[in-house]
Amino acid sequence: MWAFLTSKLGVYVVCGAAITAFLSWTHYEMYETGRRYERSAMLNRSVIILRERIKTDAAVSAMDDAGLCAALGGGMSDAGVCE
């Protein structure tokens, strides 16, 4: 076995195995880095969307019936109905 590992072919096999292992490890690490980056970006986008939604909900909750009707593009009739 030792004679094979010290032969020219054995050295090539060992080097090939080492290079394959290294490339596999770097591929896995880059994949994980990309996954973590995308997860972080998605979380940041979700937080921004939730903050905008909270502002919108607060603005809509503060509106009276006439203001809400106007925001939706309607108008209040004399009977108090949004048209």
Protein backbone atom coordinates (compact mmCIF):
# COMPACT_ATOMS: atom_id res chain seq x y z
CA MET A 1 0.00 0.00 0.00
CA TRP A 2 2.79 2.41 0.90
CA ALA A 3 4.52 1.65 -2.38
CA PHE A 4 1.38 2.68 -4.30
CA LEU A 5 1.00 5.94 -2.36
CA THR A 6 4.61 6.91 -3.00
CA SER A 7 4.43 6.06 -6.70
CA LYS A 8 3.66 8.74 -9.29
CA LEU A 9 0.12 7.45 -9.82
CA GLY A 10 -0.47 7.26 -6.07
CA VAL A 11 0.63 10.86 -5.61
CA TYR A 12 -1.76 11.93 -8.37
CA VAL A 13 -4.62 10.01 -6.76
CA VAL A 14 -3.96 11.51 -3.32
CA CYS A 15 -3.63 15.02 -4.77
CA GLY A 16 -6.81 14.55 -6.80
CA ALA A 17 -8.69 13.37 -3.72
CA ALA A 18 -7.36 16.33 -1.70
CA ILE A 19 -8.31 18.81 -4.42
CA THR A 20 -11.77 17.26 -4.76
CA ALA A 21 -12.30 17.46 -1.00
CA PHE A 22 -11.13 21.08 -0.92
CA LEU A 23 -13.36 22.10 -3.84
CA SER A 24 -16.33 20.32 -2.28
CA TRP A 25 -15.76 22.12 1.00
CA THR A 26 -15.44 25.54 -0.67
CA HIS A 27 -18.57 24.91 -2.75
CA TYR A 28 -20.51 24.02 0.40
CA GLU A 29 -19.22 27.09 2.25
CA MET A 30 -20.12 29.43 -0.61
CA TYR A 31 -23.58 27.86 -0.86
CA GLU A 32 -24.13 28.36 2.87
CA THR A 33 -22.86 31.95 2.69
CA GLY A 34 -25.30 32.72 -0.12
CA ARG A 35 -28.13 31.08 1.76
CA ARG A 36 -27.39 33.10 4.90
CA TYR A 37 -27.19 36.31 2.85
CA GLU A 38 -30.53 35.67 1.14
CA ARG A 39 -32.18 34.74 4.43
CA SER A 40 -30.93 37.99 5.97
CA ALA A 41 -32.07 40.03 2.97
CA MET A 42 -35.50 38.41 3.06
CA LEU A 43 -35.82 39.14 6.78
CA ASN A 44 -34.85 42.78 6.21
CA ARG A 45 -37.43 43.10 3.42
CA SER A 46 -40.08 41.59 5.70
CA VAL A 47 -39.27 44.07 8.45
CA ILE A 48 -39.50 47.00 6.02
CA ILE A 49 -42.85 45.75 4.70
CA LEU A 50 -44.20 45.29 8.23
CA ARG A 51 -43.12 48.81 9.22
CA GLU A 52 -44.91 50.24 6.18
CA ARG A 53 -47.99 48.18 7.01
CA ILE A 54 -48.00 49.48 10.59
CA LYS A 55 -47.83 53.08 9.32
CA THR A 56 -50.68 52.42 6.87
CA ASP A 57 -52.80 50.73 9.54
CA ALA A 58 -52.25 53.66 11.90
CA ALA A 59 -53.20 56.16 9.21
CA VAL A 60 -56.35 54.25 8.26
CA SER A 61 -57.36 53.73 11.89
CA ALA A 62 -57.06 57.48 12.52
CA MET A 63 -59.44 58.33 9.65
CA ASP A 64 -63.09 59.03 10.21
CA ASP A 65 -65.76 57.69 7.85
CA ALA A 66 -65.59 60.66 5.48
CA GLY A 67 -61.78 60.55 5.35
CA LEU A 68 -61.79 56.82 4.66
CA CYS A 69 -64.38 57.26 1.95
CA ALA A 70 -62.32 60.03 0.34
CA ALA A 71 -59.15 57.91 0.56
CA LEU A 72 -60.96 55.15 -1.31
CA GLY A 73 -62.03 57.60 -4.02
CA GLY A 74 -65.64 58.05 -3.03
CA GLY A 75 -67.71 60.80 -1.56
CA MET A 76 -70.11 60.96 1.36
CA SER A 77 -73.74 61.46 0.53
CA ASP A 78 -76.14 63.50 2.66
CA ALA A 79 -77.44 60.22 4.09
CA GLY A 80 -73.97 59.44 5.41
CA VAL A 81 -73.24 56.67 2.90
CA CYS A 82 -70.00 56.43 0.97
CA GLU A 83 -70.62 56.50 -2.77
